């Protein structure tokens, strides 16, 4: 699976599912640790992925957003 396929699959999800996917990615990064990008192409791919939220004010502080999502999910 390449980054283009992942991005296309992510973009095809409804907004709520995109939020859940982003939360799961944050969980996996916390669980497995963030690894350094493999090279310049990995950095460019990551920048394109993160650019999905560039205009979202609620994503300005990603840590706070993830914490709020977890609180909301845990209180269900």
PDB file of N, CA and C in Angstrom:
ATOM      1  N   UNK A   1       0.855  -1.176   0.000  1.00  0.00           N
ATOM      2  CA  UNK A   1       0.000   0.000   0.000  1.00  0.00           C
ATOM      3  C   UNK A   1       0.894   1.229   0.000  1.00  0.00           C
ATOM      4  N   UNK A   2       0.601   2.174  -0.894  1.00  0.00           N
ATOM      5  CA  UNK A   2       1.402   3.396  -0.949  1.00  0.00           C
ATOM      6  C   UNK A   2       0.612   4.578  -0.400  1.00  0.00           C
ATOM      7  N   UNK A   3       1.292   5.687  -0.215  1.00  0.00           N
ATOM      8  CA  UNK A   3       0.683   6.857   0.424  1.00  0.00           C
ATOM      9  C   UNK A   3      -0.469   7.409  -0.414  1.00  0.00           C
ATOM     10  N   UNK A   4      -0.358   7.342  -1.738  1.00  0.00           N
ATOM     11  CA  UNK A   4      -1.440   7.854  -2.586  1.00  0.00           C
ATOM     12  C   UNK A   4      -2.729   7.065  -2.364  1.00  0.00           C
ATOM     13  N   UNK A   5      -2.611   5.744  -2.219  1.00  0.00           N
ATOM     14  CA  UNK A   5      -3.781   4.904  -1.969  1.00  0.00           C
ATOM     15  C   UNK A   5      -4.388   5.223  -0.611  1.00  0.00           C
ATOM     16  N   UNK A   6      -3.528   5.387   0.387  1.00  0.00           N
ATOM     17  CA  UNK A   6      -4.004   5.711   1.734  1.00  0.00           C
ATOM     18  C   UNK A   6      -4.722   7.059   1.722  1.00  0.00           C
ATOM     19  N   UNK A   7      -4.136   8.055   1.074  1.00  0.00           N
ATOM     20  CA  UNK A   7      -4.759   9.382   1.017  1.00  0.00           C
ATOM     21  C   UNK A   7      -6.096   9.340   0.280  1.00  0.00           C
ATOM     22  N   UNK A   8      -6.152   8.596  -0.815  1.00  0.00           N
ATOM     23  CA  UNK A   8      -7.406   8.493  -1.565  1.00  0.00           C
ATOM     24  C   UNK A   8      -8.477   7.803  -0.723  1.00  0.00           C
ATOM     25  N   UNK A   9      -8.094   6.730  -0.038  1.00  0.00           N
ATOM     26  CA  UNK A   9      -9.056   6.029   0.819  1.00  0.00           C
ATOM     27  C   UNK A   9      -9.526   6.934   1.953  1.00  0.00           C
ATOM     28  N   UNK A  10      -8.600   7.678   2.543  1.00  0.00           N
ATOM     29  CA  UNK A  10      -8.933   8.591   3.630  1.00  0.00           C
ATOM     30  C   UNK A  10      -9.896   9.683   3.139  1.00  0.00           C
ATOM     31  N   UNK A  11      -9.581  10.270   1.998  1.00  0.00           N
ATOM     32  CA  UNK A  11     -10.418  11.345   1.450  1.00  0.00           C
ATOM     33  C   UNK A  11     -11.817  10.859   1.107  1.00  0.00           C
ATOM     34  N   UNK A  12     -11.966   9.572   0.802  1.00  0.00           N
ATOM     35  CA  UNK A  12     -13.277   9.021   0.444  1.00  0.00           C
ATOM     36  C   UNK A  12     -14.171   8.783   1.659  1.00  0.00           C
ATOM     37  N   UNK A  13     -13.594   8.839   2.843  1.00  0.00           N
ATOM     38  CA  UNK A  13     -14.377   8.611   4.061  1.00  0.00           C
ATOM     39  C   UNK A  13     -15.223   9.829   4.401  1.00  0.00           C
ATOM     40  N   UNK A  14     -16.353   9.634   5.072  1.00  0.00           N
ATOM     41  CA  UNK A  14     -17.125  10.783   5.567  1.00  0.00           C
ATOM     42  C   UNK A  14     -16.337  11.483   6.687  1.00  0.00           C
ATOM     43  N   UNK A  15     -16.643  12.749   6.967  1.00  0.00           N
ATOM     44  CA  UNK A  15     -15.869  13.515   7.957  1.00  0.00           C
ATOM     45  C   UNK A  15     -15.725  12.826   9.320  1.00  0.00           C
ATOM     46  N   UNK A  16     -16.769  12.236   9.838  1.00  0.00           N
ATOM     47  CA  UNK A  16     -16.686  11.569  11.143  1.00  0.00           C
ATOM     48  C   UNK A  16     -15.696  10.407  11.095  1.00  0.00           C
ATOM     49  N   UNK A  17     -15.724   9.646  10.012  1.00  0.00           N
ATOM     50  CA  UNK A  17     -14.793   8.526   9.864  1.00  0.00           C
ATOM     51  C   UNK A  17     -13.362   9.035   9.708  1.00  0.00           C
ATOM     52  N   UNK A  18     -13.178  10.182   9.046  1.00  0.00           N
ATOM     53  CA  UNK A  18     -11.844  10.776   8.938  1.00  0.00           C
ATOM     54  C   UNK A  18     -11.318  11.159  10.318  1.00  0.00           C
ATOM     55  N   UNK A  19     -12.195  11.698  11.158  1.00  0.00           N
ATOM     56  CA  UNK A  19     -11.796  12.033  12.528  1.00  0.00           C
ATOM     57  C   UNK A  19     -11.377  10.781  13.291  1.00  0.00           C
ATOM     58  N   UNK A  20     -12.134   9.710  13.130  1.00  0.00           N
ATOM     59  CA  UNK A  20     -11.804   8.455  13.813  1.00  0.00           C
ATOM     60  C   UNK A  20     -10.473   7.900  13.309  1.00  0.00           C
ATOM     61  N   UNK A  21     -10.246   7.982  11.995  1.00  0.00           N
ATOM     62  CA  UNK A  21      -8.989   7.501  11.424  1.00  0.00           C
ATOM     63  C   UNK A  21      -7.812   8.319  11.957  1.00  0.00           C
ATOM     64  N   UNK A  22      -7.980   9.632  12.031  1.00  0.00           N
ATOM     65  CA  UNK A  22      -6.917  10.487  12.555  1.00  0.00           C
ATOM     66  C   UNK A  22      -6.636  10.162  14.018  1.00  0.00           C
ATOM     67  N   UNK A  23      -7.669   9.910  14.782  1.00  0.00           N
ATOM     68  CA  UNK A  23      -7.501   9.542  16.184  1.00  0.00           C
ATOM     69  C   UNK A  23      -6.766   8.210  16.308  1.00  0.00           C
ATOM     70  N   UNK A  24      -7.106   7.260  15.445  1.00  0.00           N
ATOM     71  CA  UNK A  24      -6.442   5.965  15.481  1.00  0.00           C
ATOM     72  C   UNK A  24      -4.968   6.097  15.103  1.00  0.00           C
ATOM     73  N   UNK A  25      -4.671   6.953  14.137  1.00  0.00           N
ATOM     74  CA  UNK A  25      -3.279   7.192  13.762  1.00  0.00           C
ATOM     75  C   UNK A  25      -2.520   7.781  14.946  1.00  0.00           C
ATOM     76  N   UNK A  26      -3.133   8.731  15.653  1.00  0.00           N
ATOM     77  CA  UNK A  26      -2.492   9.313  16.843  1.00  0.00           C
ATOM     78  C   UNK A  26      -2.256   8.240  17.899  1.00  0.00           C
ATOM     79  N   UNK A  27      -3.221   7.348  18.073  1.00  0.00           N
ATOM     80  CA  UNK A  27      -3.065   6.246  19.022  1.00  0.00           C
ATOM     81  C   UNK A  27      -1.887   5.353  18.619  1.00  0.00           C
ATOM     82  N   UNK A  28      -1.811   4.991  17.351  1.00  0.00           N
ATOM     83  CA  UNK A  28      -0.718   4.127  16.891  1.00  0.00           C
ATOM     84  C   UNK A  28       0.639   4.801  17.047  1.00  0.00           C
ATOM     85  N   UNK A  29       0.699   6.093  16.763  1.00  0.00           N
ATOM     86  CA  UNK A  29       1.965   6.810  16.936  1.00  0.00           C
ATOM     87  C   UNK A  29       2.377   6.821  18.399  1.00  0.00           C
ATOM     88  N   UNK A  30       1.416   7.018  19.293  1.00  0.00           N
ATOM     89  CA  UNK A  30       1.722   7.026  20.721  1.00  0.00           C
ATOM     90  C   UNK A  30       2.151   5.633  21.181  1.00  0.00           C
ATOM     91  N   UNK A  31       1.509   4.629  20.666  1.00  0.00           N
ATOM     92  CA  UNK A  31       1.805   3.254  21.078  1.00  0.00           C
ATOM     93  C   UNK A  31       3.152   2.765  20.549  1.00  0.00           C
ATOM     94  N   UNK A  32       3.456   3.111  19.308  1.00  0.00           N
ATOM     95  CA  UNK A  32       4.659   2.600  18.664  1.00  0.00           C
ATOM     96  C   UNK A  32       5.779   3.628  18.575  1.00  0.00           C
ATOM     97  N   UNK A  33       5.513   4.834  18.984  1.00  0.00           N
ATOM     98  CA  UNK A  33       6.515   5.890  18.882  1.00  0.00           C
ATOM     99  C   UNK A  33       6.558   6.433  17.464  1.00  0.00           C
ATOM    100  N   UNK A  34       6.845   7.700  17.369  1.00  0.00           N
ATOM    101  CA  UNK A  34       6.943   8.333  16.062  1.00  0.00           C
ATOM    102  C   UNK A  34       8.331   8.058  15.503  1.00  0.00           C
ATOM    103  N   UNK A  35       8.383   7.509  14.318  1.00  0.00           N
ATOM    104  CA  UNK A  35       9.672   7.253  13.690  1.00  0.00           C
ATOM    105  C   UNK A  35      10.007   8.389  12.748  1.00  0.00           C
ATOM    106  N   UNK A  36      11.285   8.571  12.501  1.00  0.00           N
ATOM    107  CA  UNK A  36      11.739   9.618  11.588  1.00  0.00           C
ATOM    108  C   UNK A  36      11.374   9.222  10.155  1.00  0.00           C
ATOM    109  N   UNK A  37      11.049  10.190   9.320  1.00  0.00           N
ATOM    110  CA  UNK A  37      10.748   9.878   7.933  1.00  0.00           C
ATOM    111  C   UNK A  37      11.941   9.200   7.255  1.00  0.00           C
ATOM    112  N   UNK A  38      11.656   8.376   6.265  1.00  0.00           N
ATOM    113  CA  UNK A  38      12.703   7.624   5.580  1.00  0.00           C
ATOM    114  C   UNK A  38      13.571   8.514   4.705  1.00  0.00           C
ATOM    115  N   UNK A  39      13.054   9.619   4.259  1.00  0.00           N
ATOM    116  CA  UNK A  39      13.829  10.503   3.386  1.00  0.00           C
ATOM    117  C   UNK A  39      12.980  11.683   2.945  1.00  0.00           C
ATOM    118  N   UNK A  40      13.503  12.464   1.993  1.00  0.00           N
ATOM    119  CA  UNK A  40      12.767  13.665   1.553  1.00  0.00           C
ATOM    120  C   UNK A  40      11.379  13.352   1.007  1.00  0.00           C
ATOM    121  N   UNK A  41      11.227  12.222   0.306  1.00  0.00           N
ATOM    122  CA  UNK A  41       9.909  11.887  -0.240  1.00  0.00           C
ATOM    123  C   UNK A  41       8.899  11.593   0.864  1.00  0.00           C
ATOM    124  N   UNK A  42       9.352  11.010   1.974  1.00  0.00           N
ATOM    125  CA  UNK A  42       8.452  10.744   3.099  1.00  0.00           C
ATOM    126  C   UNK A  42       7.985  12.048   3.726  1.00  0.00           C
ATOM    127  N   UNK A  43       8.878  13.019   3.807  1.00  0.00           N
ATOM    128  CA  UNK A  43       8.514  14.325   4.363  1.00  0.00           C
ATOM    129  C   UNK A  43       7.477  15.001   3.477  1.00  0.00           C
ATOM    130  N   UNK A  44       7.654  14.924   2.172  1.00  0.00           N
ATOM    131  CA  UNK A  44       6.697  15.534   1.248  1.00  0.00           C
ATOM    132  C   UNK A  44       5.345  14.849   1.354  1.00  0.00           C
ATOM    133  N   UNK A  45       5.334  13.525   1.446  1.00  0.00           N
ATOM    134  CA  UNK A  45       4.075  12.798   1.573  1.00  0.00           C
ATOM    135  C   UNK A  45       3.372  13.159   2.869  1.00  0.00           C
ATOM    136  N   UNK A  46       4.109  13.269   3.956  1.00  0.00           N
ATOM    137  CA  UNK A  46       3.512  13.632   5.241  1.00  0.00           C
ATOM    138  C   UNK A  46       2.939  15.040   5.182  1.00  0.00           C
ATOM    139  N   UNK A  47       3.635  15.955   4.528  1.00  0.00           N
ATOM    140  CA  UNK A  47       3.144  17.329   4.408  1.00  0.00           C
ATOM    141  C   UNK A  47       1.839  17.357   3.621  1.00  0.00           C
ATOM    142  N   UNK A  48       1.736  16.544   2.575  1.00  0.00           N
ATOM    143  CA  UNK A  48       0.490  16.494   1.795  1.00  0.00           C
ATOM    144  C   UNK A  48      -0.641  15.954   2.646  1.00  0.00           C
ATOM    145  N   UNK A  49      -0.365  14.931   3.441  1.00  0.00           N
ATOM    146  CA  UNK A  49      -1.390  14.350   4.304  1.00  0.00           C
ATOM    147  C   UNK A  49      -1.846  15.369   5.338  1.00  0.00           C
ATOM    148  N   UNK A  50      -0.925  16.033   5.990  1.00  0.00           N
ATOM    149  CA  UNK A  50      -1.275  17.009   7.017  1.00  0.00           C
ATOM    150  C   UNK A  50      -1.992  18.216   6.420  1.00  0.00           C
ATOM    151  N   UNK A  51      -1.733  18.507   5.148  1.00  0.00           N
ATOM    152  CA  UNK A  51      -2.385  19.624   4.499  1.00  0.00           C
ATOM    153  C   UNK A  51      -3.891  19.468   4.392  1.00  0.00           C
ATOM    154  N   UNK A  52      -4.386  18.270   4.625  1.00  0.00           N
ATOM    155  CA  UNK A  52      -5.824  18.060   4.588  1.00  0.00           C
ATOM    156  C   UNK A  52      -6.544  18.929   5.609  1.00  0.00           C
ATOM    157  N   UNK A  53      -5.867  19.259   6.707  1.00  0.00           N
ATOM    158  CA  UNK A  53      -6.497  20.008   7.789  1.00  0.00           C
ATOM    159  C   UNK A  53      -6.006  21.442   7.887  1.00  0.00           C
ATOM    160  N   UNK A  54      -5.325  21.931   6.881  1.00  0.00           N
ATOM    161  CA  UNK A  54      -4.694  23.247   6.984  1.00  0.00           C
ATOM    162  C   UNK A  54      -5.715  24.356   7.273  1.00  0.00           C
ATOM    163  N   UNK A  55      -6.952  24.231   6.792  1.00  0.00           N
ATOM    164  CA  UNK A  55      -7.959  25.282   6.971  1.00  0.00           C
ATOM    165  C   UNK A  55      -8.922  25.012   8.126  1.00  0.00           C
ATOM    166  N   UNK A  56      -8.678  23.968   8.891  1.00  0.00           N
ATOM    167  CA  UNK A  56      -9.591  23.641   9.991  1.00  0.00           C
ATOM    168  C   UNK A  56      -9.091  24.276  11.280  1.00  0.00           C
ATOM    169  N   UNK A  57      -9.885  25.192  11.812  1.00  0.00           N
ATOM    170  CA  UNK A  57      -9.509  25.872  13.039  1.00  0.00           C
ATOM    171  C   UNK A  57      -9.476  24.925  14.232  1.00  0.00           C
ATOM    172  N   UNK A  58     -10.339  23.891  14.224  1.00  0.00           N
ATOM    173  CA  UNK A  58     -10.362  22.962  15.346  1.00  0.00           C
ATOM    174  C   UNK A  58      -9.120  22.071  15.381  1.00  0.00           C
ATOM    175  N   UNK A  59      -8.323  22.069  14.314  1.00  0.00           N
ATOM    176  CA  UNK A  59      -7.110  21.255  14.274  1.00  0.00           C
ATOM    177  C   UNK A  59      -5.857  22.083  14.534  1.00  0.00           C
ATOM    178  N   UNK A  60      -6.007  23.338  14.935  1.00  0.00           N
ATOM    179  CA  UNK A  60      -4.844  24.183  15.190  1.00  0.00           C
ATOM    180  C   UNK A  60      -3.947  23.570  16.266  1.00  0.00           C
ATOM    181  N   UNK A  61      -4.548  22.998  17.285  1.00  0.00           N
ATOM    182  CA  UNK A  61      -3.802  22.296  18.335  1.00  0.00           C
ATOM    183  C   UNK A  61      -4.215  20.830  18.275  1.00  0.00           C
ATOM    184  N   UNK A  62      -3.444  20.041  17.544  1.00  0.00           N
ATOM    185  CA  UNK A  62      -3.805  18.644  17.302  1.00  0.00           C
ATOM    186  C   UNK A  62      -3.884  17.841  18.591  1.00  0.00           C
ATOM    187  N   UNK A  63      -3.010  18.125  19.530  1.00  0.00           N
ATOM    188  CA  UNK A  63      -3.017  17.386  20.793  1.00  0.00           C
ATOM    189  C   UNK A  63      -4.318  17.624  21.547  1.00  0.00           C
ATOM    190  N   UNK A  64      -4.732  18.871  21.621  1.00  0.00           N
ATOM    191  CA  UNK A  64      -5.983  19.198  22.301  1.00  0.00           C
ATOM    192  C   UNK A  64      -7.165  18.552  21.581  1.00  0.00           C
ATOM    193  N   UNK A  65      -7.120  18.536  20.246  1.00  0.00           N
ATOM    194  CA  UNK A  65      -8.194  17.928  19.478  1.00  0.00           C
ATOM    195  C   UNK A  65      -8.303  16.441  19.784  1.00  0.00           C
ATOM    196  N   UNK A  66      -7.172  15.735  19.787  1.00  0.00           N
ATOM    197  CA  UNK A  66      -7.179  14.300  20.061  1.00  0.00           C
ATOM    198  C   UNK A  66      -7.697  14.033  21.469  1.00  0.00           C
ATOM    199  N   UNK A  67      -7.237  14.824  22.437  1.00  0.00           N
ATOM    200  CA  UNK A  67      -7.698  14.650  23.817  1.00  0.00           C
ATOM    201  C   UNK A  67      -9.209  14.858  23.917  1.00  0.00           C
ATOM    202  N   UNK A  68      -9.734  15.864  23.226  1.00  0.00           N
ATOM    203  CA  UNK A  68     -11.182  16.124  23.252  1.00  0.00           C
ATOM    204  C   UNK A  68     -11.942  14.967  22.612  1.00  0.00           C
ATOM    205  N   UNK A  69     -11.417  14.437  21.509  1.00  0.00           N
ATOM    206  CA  UNK A  69     -12.070  13.305  20.853  1.00  0.00           C
ATOM    207  C   UNK A  69     -12.089  12.085  21.761  1.00  0.00           C
ATOM    208  N   UNK A  70     -10.991  11.852  22.432  1.00  0.00           N
ATOM    209  CA  UNK A  70     -10.928  10.695  23.333  1.00  0.00           C
ATOM    210  C   UNK A  70     -11.906  10.863  24.497  1.00  0.00           C
ATOM    211  N   UNK A  71     -11.966  12.066  25.069  1.00  0.00           N
ATOM    212  CA  UNK A  71     -12.917  12.311  26.149  1.00  0.00           C
ATOM    213  C   UNK A  71     -14.346  12.055  25.679  1.00  0.00           C
ATOM    214  N   UNK A  72     -14.649  12.557  24.480  1.00  0.00           N
ATOM    215  CA  UNK A  72     -15.983  12.383  23.916  1.00  0.00           C
ATOM    216  C   UNK A  72     -16.283  10.898  23.688  1.00  0.00           C
ATOM    217  N   UNK A  73     -15.346  10.169  23.118  1.00  0.00           N
ATOM    218  CA  UNK A  73     -15.558   8.740  22.846  1.00  0.00           C
ATOM    219  C   UNK A  73     -15.657   7.931  24.123  1.00  0.00           C
ATOM    220  N   UNK A  74     -14.861   8.255  25.120  1.00  0.00           N
ATOM    221  CA  UNK A  74     -14.840   7.493  26.362  1.00  0.00           C
ATOM    222  C   UNK A  74     -16.099   7.727  27.196  1.00  0.00           C
ATOM    223  N   UNK A  75     -16.765   8.862  26.980  1.00  0.00           N
ATOM    224  CA  UNK A  75     -17.961   9.180  27.756  1.00  0.00           C
ATOM    225  C   UNK A  75     -19.243   8.663  27.116  1.00  0.00           C
ATOM    226  N   UNK A  76     -19.132   7.884  26.072  1.00  0.00           N
ATOM    227  CA  UNK A  76     -20.328   7.331  25.426  1.00  0.00           C
ATOM    228  C   UNK A  76     -20.894   6.211  26.235  1.00  0.00           C
TER     229      UNK A  76
END
